[in-house]
Amino acid sequence: MKKYFRISTMLYLILLGATLGAVIFAGAVVAPVIFHSKDYLLSPLLNHYQEGLLMTQNFIKLSYLINFTVLSIFLYEGYKYKMGERDKLTSSATLLAIMSGSLFSFYYLPDIINMQLAGEAMTNSQTFANVHKGSEIDFKIFAFALFSLMILNMKKACK
């Protein structure tokens, strides 16, 4: 049973690392390239609204990985909690990851999609700006929680 748990711990750490990498890549590489497409093309082909539509498609696809990761965190950390391997930091990071990942996928992303469907004028509103800013903050919290879970679980695995 211990050997199985070690393998699952390694797979869990790989999943956390891959998801963290995808989150960082989407925010630090993909978004700046898409929202500054005029800098990379010979002429501006897309307006800001169209760039936002493209970026949303990236985040929709990323939300599948986020949802799978959130479910994996819930199952893995829940099992460890039930087995008596508890500490406040890991429990806090777990709760933060589950809440922020779910909030992004099931609140912010659908809200942004609905506003985009309402048209370009809606995406220029203060409401959209506030929702978008909230989603950015939530995404950063999710990345921090993933990083924390990785470090805490690596620390435990190396004992």
N, C-alpha and C. Protein backbone atom coordinates (compact mmCIF):
# COMPACT_ATOMS: atom_id res chain seq x y z
N MET A 1 0.83 -1.20 0.00
CA MET A 1 0.00 0.00 0.00
C MET A 1 0.87 1.26 0.00
N LYS A 2 2.01 1.20 0.72
CA LYS A 2 2.89 2.37 0.76
C LYS A 2 3.46 2.69 -0.62
N LYS A 3 3.82 1.62 -1.37
CA LYS A 3 4.38 1.83 -2.71
C LYS A 3 3.34 2.50 -3.61
N TYR A 4 2.09 2.05 -3.52
CA TYR A 4 1.01 2.65 -4.31
C TYR A 4 0.84 4.13 -3.94
N PHE A 5 0.93 4.41 -2.65
CA PHE A 5 0.75 5.79 -2.20
C PHE A 5 1.91 6.68 -2.66
N ARG A 6 3.10 6.13 -2.72
CA ARG A 6 4.24 6.91 -3.22
C ARG A 6 4.07 7.25 -4.69
N ILE A 7 3.59 6.27 -5.47
CA ILE A 7 3.36 6.52 -6.89
C ILE A 7 2.26 7.56 -7.06
N SER A 8 1.20 7.45 -6.28
CA SER A 8 0.12 8.44 -6.39
C SER A 8 0.60 9.81 -5.95
N THR A 9 1.50 9.87 -4.97
CA THR A 9 2.07 11.16 -4.55
C THR A 9 2.88 11.77 -5.68
N MET A 10 3.67 10.96 -6.36
CA MET A 10 4.46 11.47 -7.48
C MET A 10 3.55 11.98 -8.60
N LEU A 11 2.52 11.21 -8.93
CA LEU A 11 1.59 11.64 -9.97
C LEU A 11 0.85 12.92 -9.56
N TYR A 12 0.50 13.01 -8.30
CA TYR A 12 -0.17 14.19 -7.76
C TYR A 12 0.73 15.41 -7.87
N LEU A 13 1.99 15.25 -7.51
CA LEU A 13 2.94 16.38 -7.61
C LEU A 13 3.15 16.80 -9.07
N ILE A 14 3.20 15.82 -9.96
CA ILE A 14 3.33 16.14 -11.39
C ILE A 14 2.11 16.90 -11.87
N LEU A 15 0.91 16.47 -11.45
CA LEU A 15 -0.31 17.18 -11.84
C LEU A 15 -0.32 18.61 -11.31
N LEU A 16 0.06 18.78 -10.04
CA LEU A 16 0.11 20.14 -9.49
C LEU A 16 1.11 21.00 -10.26
N GLY A 17 2.27 20.44 -10.56
CA GLY A 17 3.28 21.19 -11.30
C GLY A 17 2.85 21.53 -12.72
N ALA A 18 2.21 20.57 -13.39
CA ALA A 18 1.74 20.82 -14.75
C ALA A 18 0.65 21.88 -14.77
N THR A 19 -0.26 21.80 -13.81
CA THR A 19 -1.33 22.80 -13.74
C THR A 19 -0.78 24.17 -13.41
N LEU A 20 0.14 24.22 -12.45
CA LEU A 20 0.77 25.50 -12.12
C LEU A 20 1.49 26.08 -13.33
N GLY A 21 2.20 25.23 -14.06
CA GLY A 21 2.88 25.68 -15.28
C GLY A 21 1.91 26.21 -16.32
N ALA A 22 0.79 25.52 -16.49
CA ALA A 22 -0.22 25.96 -17.46
C ALA A 22 -0.84 27.29 -17.04
N VAL A 23 -1.10 27.44 -15.75
CA VAL A 23 -1.68 28.69 -15.23
C VAL A 23 -0.71 29.85 -15.45
N ILE A 24 0.54 29.64 -15.11
CA ILE A 24 1.55 30.70 -15.29
C ILE A 24 1.74 31.00 -16.77
N PHE A 25 1.81 29.97 -17.60
CA PHE A 25 1.99 30.18 -19.04
C PHE A 25 0.83 30.96 -19.64
N ALA A 26 -0.39 30.60 -19.24
CA ALA A 26 -1.57 31.31 -19.77
C ALA A 26 -1.55 32.78 -19.38
N GLY A 27 -1.20 33.05 -18.14
CA GLY A 27 -1.23 34.43 -17.66
C GLY A 27 -0.03 35.26 -18.08
N ALA A 28 1.14 34.65 -18.14
CA ALA A 28 2.36 35.41 -18.41
C ALA A 28 2.80 35.40 -19.87
N VAL A 29 2.35 34.42 -20.65
CA VAL A 29 2.79 34.32 -22.04
C VAL A 29 1.63 34.48 -23.02
N VAL A 30 0.61 33.63 -22.88
CA VAL A 30 -0.48 33.62 -23.85
C VAL A 30 -1.26 34.93 -23.83
N ALA A 31 -1.68 35.38 -22.67
CA ALA A 31 -2.49 36.61 -22.58
C ALA A 31 -1.77 37.82 -23.15
N PRO A 32 -0.50 38.08 -22.77
CA PRO A 32 0.17 39.25 -23.34
C PRO A 32 0.35 39.18 -24.86
N VAL A 33 0.56 37.98 -25.40
CA VAL A 33 0.71 37.85 -26.86
C VAL A 33 -0.63 38.12 -27.54
N ILE A 34 -1.69 37.51 -27.04
CA ILE A 34 -3.00 37.69 -27.67
C ILE A 34 -3.46 39.15 -27.57
N PHE A 35 -3.30 39.75 -26.39
CA PHE A 35 -3.80 41.12 -26.22
C PHE A 35 -2.89 42.19 -26.81
N HIS A 36 -1.75 41.77 -27.35
CA HIS A 36 -0.88 42.69 -28.08
C HIS A 36 -0.58 42.12 -29.46
N SER A 37 -1.60 41.56 -30.09
CA SER A 37 -1.42 40.91 -31.39
C SER A 37 -0.91 41.87 -32.46
N LYS A 38 -1.27 43.15 -32.32
CA LYS A 38 -0.81 44.13 -33.32
C LYS A 38 0.71 44.26 -33.34
N ASP A 39 1.37 43.94 -32.23
CA ASP A 39 2.83 44.00 -32.16
C ASP A 39 3.49 42.85 -32.92
N TYR A 40 2.75 41.77 -33.15
CA TYR A 40 3.32 40.58 -33.77
C TYR A 40 2.85 40.37 -35.21
N LEU A 41 1.83 41.09 -35.61
CA LEU A 41 1.31 40.98 -36.96
C LEU A 41 1.72 42.21 -37.76
N LEU A 42 1.69 42.10 -39.06
CA LEU A 42 2.08 43.23 -39.89
C LEU A 42 1.08 44.37 -39.81
N SER A 43 -0.17 44.04 -39.56
CA SER A 43 -1.20 45.05 -39.40
C SER A 43 -2.18 44.58 -38.34
N PRO A 44 -2.84 45.49 -37.67
CA PRO A 44 -3.80 45.06 -36.65
C PRO A 44 -5.01 44.37 -37.28
N LEU A 45 -5.15 43.09 -37.05
CA LEU A 45 -6.24 42.31 -37.62
C LEU A 45 -7.41 42.18 -36.65
N LEU A 46 -7.12 42.23 -35.36
CA LEU A 46 -8.13 41.99 -34.34
C LEU A 46 -8.27 43.22 -33.44
N ASN A 47 -9.50 43.48 -33.04
CA ASN A 47 -9.68 44.52 -32.04
C ASN A 47 -9.62 43.87 -30.65
N HIS A 48 -9.67 44.68 -29.61
CA HIS A 48 -9.52 44.19 -28.24
C HIS A 48 -10.62 43.17 -27.89
N TYR A 49 -11.82 43.40 -28.34
CA TYR A 49 -12.93 42.48 -28.09
C TYR A 49 -12.65 41.11 -28.71
N GLN A 50 -12.18 41.09 -29.95
CA GLN A 50 -11.88 39.83 -30.62
C GLN A 50 -10.71 39.11 -29.94
N GLU A 51 -9.73 39.88 -29.50
CA GLU A 51 -8.62 39.28 -28.75
C GLU A 51 -9.14 38.63 -27.47
N GLY A 52 -10.08 39.30 -26.80
CA GLY A 52 -10.69 38.75 -25.59
C GLY A 52 -11.45 37.47 -25.85
N LEU A 53 -12.12 37.40 -26.99
CA LEU A 53 -12.83 36.17 -27.35
C LEU A 53 -11.86 35.00 -27.53
N LEU A 54 -10.72 35.28 -28.16
CA LEU A 54 -9.69 34.24 -28.32
C LEU A 54 -9.13 33.80 -26.97
N MET A 55 -8.85 34.76 -26.12
CA MET A 55 -8.28 34.44 -24.81
C MET A 55 -9.27 33.63 -23.98
N THR A 56 -10.54 33.93 -24.10
CA THR A 56 -11.56 33.18 -23.37
C THR A 56 -11.55 31.72 -23.78
N GLN A 57 -11.37 31.46 -25.07
CA GLN A 57 -11.31 30.07 -25.53
C GLN A 57 -10.12 29.33 -24.90
N ASN A 58 -9.01 30.03 -24.72
CA ASN A 58 -7.86 29.43 -24.04
C ASN A 58 -8.22 29.07 -22.60
N PHE A 59 -8.90 29.99 -21.93
CA PHE A 59 -9.26 29.75 -20.53
C PHE A 59 -10.34 28.68 -20.38
N ILE A 60 -11.21 28.56 -21.36
CA ILE A 60 -12.22 27.48 -21.31
C ILE A 60 -11.51 26.13 -21.36
N LYS A 61 -10.54 26.00 -22.24
CA LYS A 61 -9.80 24.75 -22.33
C LYS A 61 -8.95 24.51 -21.08
N LEU A 62 -8.38 25.56 -20.53
CA LEU A 62 -7.59 25.45 -19.31
C LEU A 62 -8.48 25.07 -18.12
N SER A 63 -9.74 25.48 -18.14
CA SER A 63 -10.63 25.17 -17.03
C SER A 63 -10.87 23.66 -16.89
N TYR A 64 -10.75 22.91 -17.98
CA TYR A 64 -10.88 21.45 -17.88
C TYR A 64 -9.76 20.88 -17.00
N LEU A 65 -8.55 21.36 -17.23
CA LEU A 65 -7.41 20.92 -16.41
C LEU A 65 -7.59 21.41 -14.96
N ILE A 66 -8.04 22.63 -14.80
CA ILE A 66 -8.25 23.18 -13.46
C ILE A 66 -9.28 22.34 -12.71
N ASN A 67 -10.38 22.00 -13.36
CA ASN A 67 -11.41 21.19 -12.71
C ASN A 67 -10.89 19.81 -12.33
N PHE A 68 -10.13 19.18 -13.22
CA PHE A 68 -9.55 17.88 -12.91
C PHE A 68 -8.58 17.99 -11.74
N THR A 69 -7.79 19.05 -11.72
CA THR A 69 -6.84 19.26 -10.63
C THR A 69 -7.55 19.51 -9.31
N VAL A 70 -8.60 20.32 -9.34
CA VAL A 70 -9.38 20.58 -8.12
C VAL A 70 -9.97 19.28 -7.58
N LEU A 71 -10.51 18.45 -8.45
CA LEU A 71 -11.06 17.16 -8.02
C LEU A 71 -9.96 16.27 -7.43
N SER A 72 -8.80 16.26 -8.08
CA SER A 72 -7.67 15.47 -7.59
C SER A 72 -7.19 15.96 -6.23
N ILE A 73 -7.13 17.27 -6.06
CA ILE A 73 -6.73 17.84 -4.77
C ILE A 73 -7.72 17.41 -3.70
N PHE A 74 -9.00 17.52 -4.01
CA PHE A 74 -10.04 17.13 -3.05
C PHE A 74 -9.88 15.66 -2.63
N LEU A 75 -9.68 14.79 -3.60
CA LEU A 75 -9.58 13.35 -3.30
C LEU A 75 -8.27 13.01 -2.57
N TYR A 76 -7.16 13.52 -3.07
CA TYR A 76 -5.85 13.19 -2.49
C TYR A 76 -5.72 13.76 -1.08
N GLU A 77 -5.97 15.05 -0.95
CA GLU A 77 -5.81 15.69 0.36
C GLU A 77 -6.89 15.22 1.33
N GLY A 78 -8.08 14.92 0.82
CA GLY A 78 -9.13 14.37 1.67
C GLY A 78 -8.74 13.02 2.24
N TYR A 79 -8.15 12.18 1.39
CA TYR A 79 -7.68 10.87 1.84
C TYR A 79 -6.59 11.02 2.90
N LYS A 80 -5.65 11.88 2.64
CA LYS A 80 -4.56 12.10 3.60
C LYS A 80 -5.10 12.66 4.93
N TYR A 81 -6.07 13.53 4.83
CA TYR A 81 -6.68 14.09 6.04
C TYR A 81 -7.37 12.98 6.85
N LYS A 82 -8.08 12.14 6.13
CA LYS A 82 -8.80 11.04 6.79
C LYS A 82 -7.82 10.05 7.43
N MET A 83 -6.65 9.89 6.83
CA MET A 83 -5.66 8.96 7.36
C MET A 83 -4.86 9.58 8.51
N GLY A 84 -5.18 10.80 8.90
CA GLY A 84 -4.53 11.43 10.04
C GLY A 84 -3.31 12.27 9.70
N GLU A 85 -3.01 12.40 8.43
CA GLU A 85 -1.88 13.24 8.01
C GLU A 85 -2.38 14.66 7.80
N ARG A 86 -2.50 15.39 8.89
CA ARG A 86 -3.09 16.72 8.85
C ARG A 86 -2.11 17.77 9.35
N ASP A 87 -2.18 18.90 8.73
CA ASP A 87 -1.54 20.09 9.29
C ASP A 87 -2.30 21.30 8.77
N LYS A 88 -2.23 22.36 9.52
CA LYS A 88 -3.03 23.54 9.20
C LYS A 88 -2.64 24.18 7.88
N LEU A 89 -1.36 24.20 7.57
CA LEU A 89 -0.91 24.82 6.32
C LEU A 89 -1.43 24.08 5.10
N THR A 90 -1.31 22.75 5.11
CA THR A 90 -1.79 21.97 3.97
C THR A 90 -3.30 22.07 3.84
N SER A 91 -3.99 22.02 4.98
CA SER A 91 -5.45 22.15 4.95
C SER A 91 -5.87 23.51 4.40
N SER A 92 -5.15 24.55 4.79
CA SER A 92 -5.47 25.90 4.29
C SER A 92 -5.20 26.02 2.80
N ALA A 93 -4.06 25.50 2.36
CA ALA A 93 -3.72 25.54 0.93
C ALA A 93 -4.71 24.72 0.12
N THR A 94 -5.13 23.59 0.68
CA THR A 94 -6.11 22.74 0.00
C THR A 94 -7.42 23.48 -0.18
N LEU A 95 -7.90 24.06 0.89
CA LEU A 95 -9.15 24.81 0.84
C LEU A 95 -9.06 25.98 -0.14
N LEU A 96 -7.94 26.68 -0.10
CA LEU A 96 -7.72 27.82 -1.00
C LEU A 96 -7.69 27.37 -2.46
N ALA A 97 -7.03 26.27 -2.75
CA ALA A 97 -6.94 25.77 -4.13
C ALA A 97 -8.31 25.32 -4.64
N ILE A 98 -9.03 24.59 -3.81
CA ILE A 98 -10.35 24.10 -4.23
C ILE A 98 -11.30 25.27 -4.45
N MET A 99 -11.30 26.21 -3.51
CA MET A 99 -12.22 27.35 -3.63
C MET A 99 -11.86 28.25 -4.81
N SER A 100 -10.60 28.61 -4.95
CA SER A 100 -10.22 29.54 -6.01
C SER A 100 -10.32 28.88 -7.39
N GLY A 101 -9.96 27.60 -7.51
CA GLY A 101 -10.09 26.90 -8.79
C GLY A 101 -11.55 26.77 -9.20
N SER A 102 -12.39 26.42 -8.24
CA SER A 102 -13.82 26.29 -8.53
C SER A 102 -14.45 27.65 -8.84
N LEU A 103 -14.04 28.66 -8.10
CA LEU A 103 -14.56 30.01 -8.34
C LEU A 103 -14.21 30.48 -9.75
N PHE A 104 -13.00 30.19 -10.19
CA PHE A 104 -12.59 30.59 -11.53
C PHE A 104 -13.44 29.87 -12.59
N SER A 105 -13.54 28.55 -12.46
CA SER A 105 -14.22 27.75 -13.48
C SER A 105 -15.73 27.90 -13.49
N PHE A 106 -16.32 28.03 -12.31
CA PHE A 106 -17.77 27.99 -12.22
C PHE A 106 -18.44 29.33 -11.95
N TYR A 107 -17.64 30.36 -11.70
CA TYR A 107 -18.22 31.69 -11.49
C TYR A 107 -17.66 32.70 -12.48
N TYR A 108 -16.36 32.94 -12.40
CA TYR A 108 -15.78 34.00 -13.22
C TYR A 108 -15.85 33.69 -14.71
N LEU A 109 -15.41 32.51 -15.11
CA LEU A 109 -15.39 32.18 -16.54
C LEU A 109 -16.78 32.23 -17.17
N PRO A 110 -17.80 31.60 -16.57
CA PRO A 110 -19.15 31.71 -17.17
C PRO A 110 -19.67 33.14 -17.19
N ASP A 111 -19.36 33.91 -16.16
CA ASP A 111 -19.79 35.31 -16.11
C ASP A 111 -19.16 36.12 -17.24
N ILE A 112 -17.87 35.91 -17.46
CA ILE A 112 -17.17 36.62 -18.54
C ILE A 112 -17.72 36.20 -19.89
N ILE A 113 -17.97 34.91 -20.07
CA ILE A 113 -18.53 34.41 -21.33
C ILE A 113 -19.89 35.05 -21.59
N ASN A 114 -20.75 35.10 -20.58
CA ASN A 114 -22.07 35.71 -20.74
C ASN A 114 -21.98 37.19 -21.09
N MET A 115 -21.05 37.89 -20.48
CA MET A 115 -20.88 39.30 -20.81
C MET A 115 -20.37 39.48 -22.23
N GLN A 116 -19.49 38.58 -22.67
CA GLN A 116 -19.01 38.65 -24.05
C GLN A 116 -20.13 38.37 -25.03
N LEU A 117 -21.00 37.44 -24.68
CA LEU A 117 -22.14 37.13 -25.54
C LEU A 117 -23.10 38.32 -25.65
N ALA A 118 -23.11 39.17 -24.64
CA ALA A 118 -23.97 40.36 -24.66
C ALA A 118 -23.43 41.42 -25.62
N GLY A 119 -22.20 41.26 -26.05
CA GLY A 119 -21.64 42.16 -27.06
C GLY A 119 -20.47 42.98 -26.56
N GLU A 120 -19.86 43.64 -27.51
CA GLU A 120 -18.65 44.42 -27.25
C GLU A 120 -18.89 45.55 -26.26
N ALA A 121 -20.06 46.16 -26.31
CA ALA A 121 -20.35 47.27 -25.40
C ALA A 121 -20.32 46.80 -23.95
N MET A 122 -20.82 45.61 -23.71
CA MET A 122 -20.82 45.08 -22.34
C MET A 122 -19.40 44.85 -21.83
N THR A 123 -18.50 44.45 -22.71
CA THR A 123 -17.12 44.20 -22.28
C THR A 123 -16.35 45.48 -22.03
N ASN A 124 -16.93 46.61 -22.42
CA ASN A 124 -16.30 47.90 -22.13
C ASN A 124 -16.87 48.54 -20.86
N SER A 125 -17.77 47.83 -20.19
CA SER A 125 -18.42 48.38 -19.00
C SER A 125 -17.55 48.20 -17.76
N GLN A 126 -17.88 48.95 -16.73
CA GLN A 126 -17.16 48.85 -15.46
C GLN A 126 -17.44 47.50 -14.80
N THR A 127 -18.64 46.97 -15.00
CA THR A 127 -18.98 45.66 -14.44
C THR A 127 -18.04 44.59 -14.98
N PHE A 128 -17.83 44.61 -16.30
CA PHE A 128 -16.93 43.64 -16.90
C PHE A 128 -15.51 43.82 -16.37
N ALA A 129 -15.08 45.07 -16.27
CA ALA A 129 -13.73 45.35 -15.77
C ALA A 129 -13.56 44.80 -14.34
N ASN A 130 -14.58 44.96 -13.51
CA ASN A 130 -14.51 44.46 -12.14
C ASN A 130 -14.48 42.94 -12.09
N VAL A 131 -15.32 42.30 -12.89
CA VAL A 131 -15.34 40.83 -12.93
C VAL A 131 -14.01 40.31 -13.46
N HIS A 132 -13.49 40.95 -14.48
CA HIS A 132 -12.21 40.52 -15.06
C HIS A 132 -11.08 40.67 -14.05
N LYS A 133 -11.05 41.79 -13.33
CA LYS A 133 -10.02 42.01 -12.32
C LYS A 133 -10.14 40.97 -11.21
N GLY A 134 -11.38 40.67 -10.80
CA GLY A 134 -11.59 39.63 -9.79
C GLY A 134 -11.09 38.28 -10.24
N SER A 135 -11.31 37.97 -11.52
CA SER A 135 -10.84 36.68 -12.05
C SER A 135 -9.32 36.62 -12.08
N GLU A 136 -8.67 37.74 -12.38
CA GLU A 136 -7.21 37.78 -12.37
C GLU A 136 -6.66 37.54 -10.97
N ILE A 137 -7.27 38.18 -9.98
CA ILE A 137 -6.83 38.00 -8.59
C ILE A 137 -7.06 36.56 -8.16
N ASP A 138 -8.24 36.01 -8.49
CA ASP A 138 -8.55 34.62 -8.15
C ASP A 138 -7.56 33.66 -8.80
N PHE A 139 -7.20 33.93 -10.04
CA PHE A 139 -6.25 33.08 -10.77
C PHE A 139 -4.89 33.08 -10.08
N LYS A 140 -4.47 34.24 -9.58
CA LYS A 140 -3.19 34.35 -8.87
C LYS A 140 -3.25 33.62 -7.53
N ILE A 141 -4.38 33.70 -6.85
CA ILE A 141 -4.56 32.97 -5.60
C ILE A 141 -4.49 31.47 -5.86
N PHE A 142 -5.12 31.03 -6.94
CA PHE A 142 -5.08 29.61 -7.31
C PHE A 142 -3.64 29.16 -7.56
N ALA A 143 -2.88 29.96 -8.29
CA ALA A 143 -1.48 29.62 -8.57
C ALA A 143 -0.68 29.54 -7.26
N PHE A 144 -0.90 30.48 -6.36
CA PHE A 144 -0.21 30.46 -5.07
C PHE A 144 -0.57 29.21 -4.28
N ALA A 145 -1.84 28.84 -4.27
CA ALA A 145 -2.29 27.65 -3.54
C ALA A 145 -1.67 26.39 -4.13
N LEU A 146 -1.61 26.31 -5.46
CA LEU A 146 -0.98 25.15 -6.10
C LEU A 146 0.49 25.05 -5.73
N PHE A 147 1.16 26.18 -5.78
CA PHE A 147 2.58 26.21 -5.43
C PHE A 147 2.78 25.78 -3.98
N SER A 148 1.94 26.28 -3.10
CA SER A 148 2.02 25.92 -1.68
C SER A 148 1.81 24.42 -1.48
N LEU A 149 0.79 23.88 -2.14
CA LEU A 149 0.53 22.44 -2.02
C LEU A 149 1.70 21.61 -2.55
N MET A 150 2.30 22.07 -3.64
CA MET A 150 3.46 21.36 -4.18
C MET A 150 4.60 21.32 -3.17
N ILE A 151 4.94 22.47 -2.63
CA ILE A 151 6.05 22.56 -1.68
C ILE A 151 5.77 21.74 -0.43
N LEU A 152 4.57 21.88 0.12
CA LEU A 152 4.23 21.15 1.35
C LEU A 152 4.24 19.64 1.13
N ASN A 153 3.74 19.19 0.00
CA ASN A 153 3.73 17.75 -0.27
C ASN A 153 5.11 17.22 -0.63
N MET A 154 5.93 18.03 -1.29
CA MET A 154 7.31 17.61 -1.56
C MET A 154 8.09 17.47 -0.25
N LYS A 155 7.86 18.41 0.64
CA LYS A 155 8.52 18.38 1.95
C LYS A 155 8.16 17.10 2.70
N LYS A 156 6.87 16.74 2.67
CA LYS A 156 6.42 15.51 3.34
C LYS A 156 6.97 14.27 2.65
N ALA A 157 7.02 14.30 1.32
CA ALA A 157 7.49 13.12 0.57
C ALA A 157 8.97 12.87 0.76
N CYS A 158 9.72 13.92 1.04
CA CYS A 158 11.18 13.77 1.20
C CYS A 158 11.60 13.34 2.59
N LYS A 159 10.65 13.23 3.50
CA LYS A 159 10.99 12.79 4.88
C LYS A 159 11.26 11.32 4.92
